[in-house]
Amino acid sequence: MAVYKIPLIVGTPQSLNVIFGVTEYRLRLLYRDAPEGGWTLDIIDSVSNTELVCGIPLVTGTDLLRQYRHLGITGSLVAFTDSDPAETPPTFDNLGGSSNLYFVVP
């Protein structure tokens, strides 16, 4: 198993290109400042600029791609927070610092 940390900048919505397997995607992370809000993730095909899935909430400790296997991404995307408990949701001020996003390839 290989684990890759997605390089994120703390405290800012952002967009970055990543390669999952042999395909390049753009990840767009947005923060929704509301009681039921928090960080969400959009996955975009970087070649065609097609939005593949939008608004995935960054729920810690679970495979964020599990219900999107039809996209053909071979691996898991998981958020974790370096605190007790590790399932603490990422905040605006800690995503990319003490809370991170990982791509896991079996």
N, C-alpha and C. Protein backbone atom coordinates (compact mmCIF):
# COMPACT_ATOMS: atom_id res chain seq x y z
N MET A 1 0.85 -1.18 0.00
CA MET A 1 0.00 0.00 0.00
C MET A 1 0.89 1.24 0.00
N ALA A 2 0.50 2.22 -0.78
CA ALA A 2 1.22 3.50 -0.85
C ALA A 2 0.28 4.62 -0.41
N VAL A 3 0.80 5.55 0.37
CA VAL A 3 0.01 6.68 0.87
C VAL A 3 0.69 7.97 0.42
N TYR A 4 -0.09 8.84 -0.22
CA TYR A 4 0.42 10.12 -0.72
C TYR A 4 -0.36 11.26 -0.07
N LYS A 5 0.37 12.18 0.54
CA LYS A 5 -0.26 13.34 1.16
C LYS A 5 -0.51 14.40 0.08
N ILE A 6 -1.73 14.90 0.01
CA ILE A 6 -2.07 15.95 -0.95
C ILE A 6 -1.56 17.27 -0.36
N PRO A 7 -0.69 17.99 -1.09
CA PRO A 7 -0.13 19.24 -0.55
C PRO A 7 -1.15 20.38 -0.57
N LEU A 8 -1.58 20.78 0.61
CA LEU A 8 -2.59 21.84 0.73
C LEU A 8 -2.02 23.03 1.49
N ILE A 9 -2.55 24.20 1.21
CA ILE A 9 -2.17 25.43 1.89
C ILE A 9 -3.19 25.70 2.99
N VAL A 10 -2.71 25.95 4.18
CA VAL A 10 -3.58 26.15 5.34
C VAL A 10 -4.40 27.43 5.18
N GLY A 11 -5.69 27.33 5.53
CA GLY A 11 -6.54 28.51 5.66
C GLY A 11 -6.95 29.20 4.38
N THR A 12 -7.02 28.45 3.27
CA THR A 12 -7.46 29.08 2.03
C THR A 12 -8.17 28.08 1.12
N PRO A 13 -9.29 28.49 0.53
CA PRO A 13 -9.87 27.65 -0.51
C PRO A 13 -8.85 27.56 -1.65
N GLN A 14 -8.81 26.44 -2.34
CA GLN A 14 -7.75 26.27 -3.33
C GLN A 14 -8.11 25.26 -4.39
N SER A 15 -7.32 25.28 -5.44
CA SER A 15 -7.47 24.35 -6.54
C SER A 15 -6.07 23.88 -6.91
N LEU A 16 -5.90 22.56 -7.10
CA LEU A 16 -4.59 22.03 -7.46
C LEU A 16 -4.75 20.80 -8.33
N ASN A 17 -3.76 20.56 -9.17
CA ASN A 17 -3.77 19.38 -10.03
C ASN A 17 -3.03 18.25 -9.35
N VAL A 18 -3.59 17.04 -9.48
CA VAL A 18 -2.99 15.82 -8.92
C VAL A 18 -3.10 14.73 -9.98
N ILE A 19 -2.27 13.71 -9.84
CA ILE A 19 -2.37 12.55 -10.71
C ILE A 19 -2.75 11.36 -9.85
N PHE A 20 -3.90 10.76 -10.16
CA PHE A 20 -4.36 9.54 -9.52
C PHE A 20 -4.23 8.44 -10.56
N GLY A 21 -3.31 7.52 -10.34
CA GLY A 21 -3.04 6.48 -11.34
C GLY A 21 -2.33 7.09 -12.52
N VAL A 22 -2.98 7.12 -13.66
CA VAL A 22 -2.39 7.71 -14.87
C VAL A 22 -3.19 8.91 -15.35
N THR A 23 -4.20 9.31 -14.58
CA THR A 23 -5.08 10.40 -15.00
C THR A 23 -4.86 11.63 -14.13
N GLU A 24 -4.83 12.80 -14.77
CA GLU A 24 -4.66 14.05 -14.04
C GLU A 24 -6.03 14.65 -13.75
N TYR A 25 -6.20 15.04 -12.50
CA TYR A 25 -7.44 15.66 -12.04
C TYR A 25 -7.11 16.99 -11.38
N ARG A 26 -8.10 17.86 -11.32
CA ARG A 26 -7.96 19.08 -10.53
C ARG A 26 -8.87 18.92 -9.32
N LEU A 27 -8.33 19.13 -8.15
CA LEU A 27 -9.11 19.11 -6.92
C LEU A 27 -9.39 20.55 -6.54
N ARG A 28 -10.65 20.84 -6.27
CA ARG A 28 -11.04 22.18 -5.83
C ARG A 28 -11.63 22.04 -4.44
N LEU A 29 -11.03 22.73 -3.48
CA LEU A 29 -11.50 22.68 -2.09
C LEU A 29 -12.11 24.02 -1.73
N LEU A 30 -13.34 23.97 -1.26
CA LEU A 30 -14.07 25.17 -0.88
C LEU A 30 -14.53 25.04 0.56
N TYR A 31 -14.57 26.18 1.26
CA TYR A 31 -15.05 26.17 2.64
C TYR A 31 -16.39 26.86 2.70
N ARG A 32 -17.36 26.19 3.29
CA ARG A 32 -18.69 26.75 3.46
C ARG A 32 -18.87 27.08 4.94
N ASP A 33 -18.90 28.37 5.22
CA ASP A 33 -18.98 28.85 6.60
C ASP A 33 -20.44 28.91 7.04
N ALA A 34 -20.94 27.76 7.48
CA ALA A 34 -22.32 27.63 7.96
C ALA A 34 -22.33 26.51 8.99
N PRO A 35 -23.35 26.45 9.85
CA PRO A 35 -23.39 25.39 10.87
C PRO A 35 -23.24 23.99 10.30
N GLU A 36 -23.84 23.71 9.16
CA GLU A 36 -23.72 22.39 8.54
C GLU A 36 -22.66 22.39 7.45
N GLY A 37 -21.86 23.43 7.38
CA GLY A 37 -20.86 23.59 6.32
C GLY A 37 -19.56 22.88 6.62
N GLY A 38 -18.49 23.49 6.21
CA GLY A 38 -17.17 22.92 6.34
C GLY A 38 -16.53 22.80 4.96
N TRP A 39 -15.47 22.02 4.86
CA TRP A 39 -14.75 21.85 3.60
C TRP A 39 -15.48 20.89 2.68
N THR A 40 -15.52 21.24 1.40
CA THR A 40 -16.04 20.34 0.39
C THR A 40 -15.02 20.22 -0.73
N LEU A 41 -15.13 19.12 -1.47
CA LEU A 41 -14.18 18.80 -2.52
C LEU A 41 -14.91 18.59 -3.84
N ASP A 42 -14.37 19.20 -4.89
CA ASP A 42 -14.83 18.95 -6.25
C ASP A 42 -13.69 18.26 -6.99
N ILE A 43 -14.03 17.30 -7.86
CA ILE A 43 -13.04 16.61 -8.68
C ILE A 43 -13.36 16.92 -10.14
N ILE A 44 -12.36 17.44 -10.84
CA ILE A 44 -12.53 17.90 -12.21
C ILE A 44 -11.51 17.21 -13.09
N ASP A 45 -11.94 16.73 -14.26
CA ASP A 45 -11.02 16.17 -15.25
C ASP A 45 -10.22 17.35 -15.79
N SER A 46 -8.90 17.36 -15.56
CA SER A 46 -8.10 18.52 -15.92
C SER A 46 -7.89 18.66 -17.42
N VAL A 47 -8.05 17.59 -18.19
CA VAL A 47 -7.87 17.67 -19.64
C VAL A 47 -9.11 18.30 -20.29
N SER A 48 -10.29 17.77 -19.96
CA SER A 48 -11.52 18.27 -20.58
C SER A 48 -12.18 19.40 -19.79
N ASN A 49 -11.67 19.67 -18.60
CA ASN A 49 -12.23 20.67 -17.69
C ASN A 49 -13.69 20.34 -17.31
N THR A 50 -13.99 19.04 -17.26
CA THR A 50 -15.33 18.56 -16.91
C THR A 50 -15.41 18.28 -15.41
N GLU A 51 -16.42 18.85 -14.76
CA GLU A 51 -16.64 18.55 -13.36
C GLU A 51 -17.19 17.13 -13.25
N LEU A 52 -16.46 16.25 -12.56
CA LEU A 52 -16.88 14.86 -12.42
C LEU A 52 -17.78 14.65 -11.22
N VAL A 53 -17.44 15.28 -10.13
CA VAL A 53 -18.26 15.22 -8.91
C VAL A 53 -17.97 16.49 -8.11
N CYS A 54 -19.02 17.07 -7.53
CA CYS A 54 -18.86 18.32 -6.79
C CYS A 54 -19.51 18.22 -5.42
N GLY A 55 -18.91 18.91 -4.46
CA GLY A 55 -19.51 19.03 -3.14
C GLY A 55 -19.32 17.86 -2.21
N ILE A 56 -18.24 17.07 -2.38
CA ILE A 56 -17.99 15.97 -1.45
C ILE A 56 -17.57 16.56 -0.11
N PRO A 57 -18.33 16.33 0.97
CA PRO A 57 -17.90 16.86 2.27
C PRO A 57 -16.66 16.12 2.76
N LEU A 58 -15.71 16.85 3.33
CA LEU A 58 -14.50 16.22 3.86
C LEU A 58 -14.80 15.61 5.23
N VAL A 59 -15.35 14.42 5.19
CA VAL A 59 -15.64 13.65 6.40
C VAL A 59 -14.38 12.84 6.72
N THR A 60 -13.87 12.96 7.91
CA THR A 60 -12.63 12.28 8.26
C THR A 60 -12.83 10.80 8.49
N GLY A 61 -11.76 10.04 8.20
CA GLY A 61 -11.73 8.62 8.50
C GLY A 61 -12.53 7.72 7.57
N THR A 62 -12.98 8.22 6.45
CA THR A 62 -13.75 7.41 5.51
C THR A 62 -13.23 7.63 4.09
N ASP A 63 -13.44 6.67 3.21
CA ASP A 63 -13.02 6.80 1.83
C ASP A 63 -13.98 7.74 1.11
N LEU A 64 -13.51 8.93 0.79
CA LEU A 64 -14.35 9.93 0.14
C LEU A 64 -14.74 9.54 -1.28
N LEU A 65 -14.02 8.59 -1.86
CA LEU A 65 -14.30 8.16 -3.24
C LEU A 65 -15.14 6.89 -3.33
N ARG A 66 -15.47 6.31 -2.21
CA ARG A 66 -16.16 5.01 -2.20
C ARG A 66 -17.39 4.98 -3.10
N GLN A 67 -18.23 5.99 -3.02
CA GLN A 67 -19.45 5.97 -3.83
C GLN A 67 -19.24 6.48 -5.26
N TYR A 68 -17.97 6.78 -5.60
CA TYR A 68 -17.67 7.28 -6.94
C TYR A 68 -16.74 6.35 -7.71
N ARG A 69 -16.82 5.05 -7.44
CA ARG A 69 -15.95 4.06 -8.11
C ARG A 69 -16.15 4.08 -9.63
N HIS A 70 -17.33 4.50 -10.08
CA HIS A 70 -17.60 4.56 -11.53
C HIS A 70 -16.67 5.54 -12.25
N LEU A 71 -16.01 6.43 -11.51
CA LEU A 71 -15.07 7.36 -12.13
C LEU A 71 -13.78 6.67 -12.56
N GLY A 72 -13.53 5.47 -12.04
CA GLY A 72 -12.34 4.71 -12.43
C GLY A 72 -11.08 5.11 -11.68
N ILE A 73 -11.20 5.87 -10.61
CA ILE A 73 -10.03 6.24 -9.81
C ILE A 73 -9.68 5.04 -8.94
N THR A 74 -8.47 4.50 -9.13
CA THR A 74 -8.06 3.32 -8.37
C THR A 74 -7.29 3.75 -7.14
N GLY A 75 -8.00 3.90 -6.06
CA GLY A 75 -7.42 4.31 -4.80
C GLY A 75 -8.49 4.94 -3.94
N SER A 76 -8.10 5.34 -2.76
CA SER A 76 -9.01 5.97 -1.81
C SER A 76 -8.50 7.36 -1.47
N LEU A 77 -9.41 8.24 -1.17
CA LEU A 77 -9.07 9.58 -0.72
C LEU A 77 -9.62 9.72 0.69
N VAL A 78 -8.74 10.00 1.66
CA VAL A 78 -9.12 9.99 3.07
C VAL A 78 -8.61 11.25 3.75
N ALA A 79 -9.45 11.86 4.58
CA ALA A 79 -9.06 13.01 5.40
C ALA A 79 -8.84 12.53 6.83
N PHE A 80 -7.76 13.02 7.45
CA PHE A 80 -7.48 12.72 8.86
C PHE A 80 -7.00 13.97 9.55
N THR A 81 -7.30 14.06 10.85
CA THR A 81 -6.83 15.16 11.67
C THR A 81 -5.88 14.61 12.72
N ASP A 82 -4.75 15.28 12.90
CA ASP A 82 -3.73 14.86 13.86
C ASP A 82 -4.12 15.32 15.27
N SER A 83 -5.22 14.80 15.77
CA SER A 83 -5.65 15.13 17.12
C SER A 83 -6.42 13.94 17.67
N ASP A 84 -6.87 14.09 18.88
CA ASP A 84 -7.63 13.03 19.50
C ASP A 84 -9.06 13.53 19.66
N PRO A 85 -10.03 13.00 19.00
CA PRO A 85 -9.97 11.86 18.09
C PRO A 85 -9.56 12.28 16.68
N ALA A 86 -9.01 11.34 15.93
CA ALA A 86 -8.55 11.60 14.57
C ALA A 86 -9.70 11.90 13.62
N GLU A 87 -10.93 11.59 14.02
CA GLU A 87 -12.09 11.84 13.18
C GLU A 87 -12.62 13.26 13.32
N THR A 88 -11.92 14.13 14.07
CA THR A 88 -12.33 15.51 14.20
C THR A 88 -12.34 16.16 12.82
N PRO A 89 -13.43 16.80 12.43
CA PRO A 89 -13.50 17.38 11.09
C PRO A 89 -12.45 18.49 10.89
N PRO A 90 -11.95 18.62 9.67
CA PRO A 90 -11.00 19.70 9.41
C PRO A 90 -11.70 21.05 9.51
N THR A 91 -10.99 22.02 10.05
CA THR A 91 -11.52 23.38 10.16
C THR A 91 -10.87 24.25 9.09
N PHE A 92 -11.37 25.47 8.97
CA PHE A 92 -10.80 26.40 7.99
C PHE A 92 -9.31 26.62 8.28
N ASP A 93 -8.96 26.68 9.57
CA ASP A 93 -7.60 27.03 9.97
C ASP A 93 -6.64 25.85 10.07
N ASN A 94 -7.12 24.59 9.91
CA ASN A 94 -6.15 23.50 10.07
C ASN A 94 -6.02 22.56 8.87
N LEU A 95 -6.89 22.68 7.85
CA LEU A 95 -6.74 21.81 6.68
C LEU A 95 -5.44 22.18 5.96
N GLY A 96 -4.57 21.20 5.80
CA GLY A 96 -3.24 21.42 5.23
C GLY A 96 -2.18 21.57 6.30
N GLY A 97 -2.60 21.64 7.56
CA GLY A 97 -1.68 21.71 8.69
C GLY A 97 -1.82 20.47 9.53
N SER A 98 -2.66 20.54 10.58
CA SER A 98 -2.87 19.38 11.44
C SER A 98 -3.99 18.47 10.91
N SER A 99 -4.64 18.88 9.85
CA SER A 99 -5.64 18.04 9.18
C SER A 99 -5.24 17.95 7.72
N ASN A 100 -5.23 16.72 7.17
CA ASN A 100 -4.71 16.52 5.84
C ASN A 100 -5.56 15.57 5.01
N LEU A 101 -5.30 15.59 3.71
CA LEU A 101 -5.98 14.75 2.75
C LEU A 101 -4.94 13.81 2.16
N TYR A 102 -5.26 12.50 2.11
CA TYR A 102 -4.33 11.48 1.64
C TYR A 102 -4.95 10.66 0.53
N PHE A 103 -4.15 10.32 -0.48
CA PHE A 103 -4.55 9.39 -1.52
C PHE A 103 -3.87 8.08 -1.21
N VAL A 104 -4.66 7.01 -1.07
CA VAL A 104 -4.14 5.70 -0.68
C VAL A 104 -4.36 4.72 -1.83
N VAL A 105 -3.26 4.09 -2.27
CA VAL A 105 -3.31 3.12 -3.36
C VAL A 105 -3.04 1.74 -2.76
N PRO A 106 -3.96 0.76 -3.03
CA PRO A 106 -3.75 -0.57 -2.46
C PRO A 106 -2.54 -1.29 -3.06
